[in-house]
Amino acid sequence: MMKKAVFLFVVFSFAAGICGMTCVVAAQEEGDAAVREISGAVSFVDPQGGKLIIVSADDEGEKEAVVAVDSSSTIEKDGKAAGLTDVSIGDDAAVSYKTDHNGRNVVVSLSATTQQ
């Protein structure tokens, strides 16, 4: 009887742990799926490293977003398909990005306009 009780306790604990881990992973994936947006000026661009920094200013002050570009990112400049090498410091940019499981902000889409 005691062995059966211990066995049931272990099985129940294992099942509860798996269920709890599944819930945590699902919640994390939902959080990662949120698309954020920032618009502002490009203050730094590193085409080889696949990174850029966008600075925006609003009533709450200046905000900065460091974002990474990967193979799934869509980039356009002045209304035409482009690459990160076409984006320049000072360009106006509108960026949609997601935070991946490593905590990196990855560009979904980037639309840059040459600053006149």
Protein backbone atom coordinates (compact mmCIF):
# COMPACT_ATOMS: atom_id res chain seq x y z
CA MET A 1 0.00 0.00 0.00
CA MET A 2 2.81 2.41 0.89
CA LYS A 3 4.63 1.70 -2.40
CA LYS A 4 1.47 2.45 -4.34
CA ALA A 5 0.99 5.75 -2.49
CA VAL A 6 4.61 6.77 -3.17
CA PHE A 7 4.28 5.74 -6.80
CA LEU A 8 1.09 7.78 -7.23
CA PHE A 9 2.71 10.77 -5.52
CA VAL A 10 5.72 10.62 -7.88
CA VAL A 11 3.50 10.24 -10.97
CA PHE A 12 1.24 13.09 -9.86
CA SER A 13 4.23 15.36 -9.11
CA PHE A 14 5.80 14.59 -12.48
CA ALA A 15 2.53 15.28 -14.32
CA ALA A 16 1.99 18.52 -12.42
CA GLY A 17 5.55 19.62 -13.19
CA ILE A 18 5.13 18.93 -16.91
CA CYS A 19 1.82 20.79 -16.97
CA GLY A 20 3.36 23.73 -15.12
CA MET A 21 6.32 23.88 -17.51
CA THR A 22 3.96 23.80 -20.49
CA CYS A 23 1.98 26.72 -19.08
CA VAL A 24 5.15 28.75 -18.49
CA VAL A 25 6.46 28.06 -22.02
CA ALA A 26 3.09 28.95 -23.56
CA ALA A 27 2.99 32.22 -21.59
CA GLN A 28 6.55 33.03 -22.63
CA GLU A 29 5.76 32.36 -26.29
CA GLU A 30 2.72 34.62 -26.09
CA GLY A 31 4.87 37.38 -24.58
CA ASP A 32 7.52 36.93 -27.26
CA ALA A 33 4.91 37.16 -30.01
CA ALA A 34 4.05 40.77 -29.15
CA VAL A 35 5.07 43.12 -31.94
CA ARG A 36 6.39 46.47 -30.77
CA GLU A 37 6.93 49.56 -32.85
CA ILE A 38 9.26 52.52 -32.72
CA SER A 39 9.70 55.44 -35.09
CA GLY A 40 12.59 57.83 -35.05
CA ALA A 41 16.05 58.51 -36.39
CA VAL A 42 18.71 55.89 -37.07
CA SER A 43 21.60 56.75 -34.73
CA PHE A 44 23.77 53.67 -35.39
CA VAL A 45 23.89 51.01 -38.07
CA ASP A 46 26.16 47.95 -38.30
CA PRO A 47 25.38 45.99 -41.49
CA GLN A 48 28.02 43.32 -40.76
CA GLY A 49 26.71 42.76 -37.23
CA GLY A 50 23.10 43.07 -38.33
CA LYS A 51 22.22 45.72 -35.73
CA LEU A 52 20.93 49.26 -35.61
CA ILE A 53 19.74 51.76 -33.04
CA ILE A 54 16.61 53.87 -33.43
CA VAL A 55 16.12 56.96 -31.26
CA SER A 56 12.69 58.52 -30.83
CA ALA A 57 11.55 61.49 -28.81
CA ASP A 58 8.10 62.10 -27.33
CA ASP A 59 6.50 63.84 -24.36
CA GLU A 60 8.09 61.29 -22.01
CA GLY A 61 11.59 61.98 -23.31
CA GLU A 62 14.01 60.22 -25.59
CA LYS A 63 13.77 56.47 -26.14
CA GLU A 64 16.29 54.19 -27.77
CA ALA A 65 15.77 50.72 -29.26
CA VAL A 66 18.62 48.41 -30.23
CA VAL A 67 17.31 46.00 -32.85
CA ALA A 68 18.81 43.12 -34.80
CA VAL A 69 18.11 42.20 -38.40
CA ASP A 70 17.91 38.56 -39.47
CA SER A 71 16.98 36.68 -42.64
CA SER A 72 13.24 37.02 -41.89
CA SER A 73 13.40 40.83 -41.54
CA THR A 74 11.86 42.97 -44.29
CA ILE A 75 13.67 46.23 -45.09
CA GLU A 76 12.71 49.02 -47.43
CA LYS A 77 14.23 52.42 -48.06
CA ASP A 78 12.43 55.26 -49.77
CA GLY A 79 9.64 52.86 -50.74
CA LYS A 80 11.89 50.25 -52.38
CA ALA A 81 13.17 46.87 -51.18
CA ALA A 82 16.56 47.34 -49.54
CA GLY A 83 19.15 45.81 -47.27
CA LEU A 84 20.69 47.01 -44.04
CA THR A 85 23.66 48.37 -46.04
CA ASP A 86 21.24 50.89 -47.60
CA VAL A 87 20.17 52.32 -44.23
CA SER A 88 22.18 55.34 -43.05
CA ILE A 89 22.66 57.24 -39.82
CA GLY A 90 20.14 60.09 -39.77
CA ASP A 91 17.50 58.28 -41.83
CA ASP A 92 13.95 58.43 -40.48
CA ALA A 93 12.77 54.91 -39.68
CA ALA A 94 9.64 53.06 -38.62
CA VAL A 95 10.44 49.67 -37.12
CA SER A 96 8.24 46.78 -36.04
CA TYR A 97 10.08 44.21 -33.94
CA LYS A 98 9.62 41.19 -31.69
CA THR A 99 11.66 40.03 -28.73
CA ASP A 100 12.99 36.51 -29.35
CA HIS A 101 13.59 33.77 -26.78
CA ASN A 102 17.15 35.09 -26.25
CA GLY A 103 15.88 38.58 -25.39
CA ARG A 104 17.01 40.12 -28.68
CA ASN A 105 14.75 42.66 -30.38
CA VAL A 106 14.48 41.29 -33.93
CA VAL A 107 13.17 43.45 -36.78
CA VAL A 108 10.00 42.23 -38.43
CA SER A 109 9.86 45.21 -40.79
CA LEU A 110 11.93 48.36 -41.21
CA SER A 111 10.92 51.26 -43.41
CA ALA A 112 13.59 53.95 -43.75
CA THR A 113 13.40 57.31 -45.48
CA THR A 114 16.40 59.37 -46.50
CA GLN A 115 16.66 62.46 -44.32
CA GLN A 116 16.54 65.53 -46.55
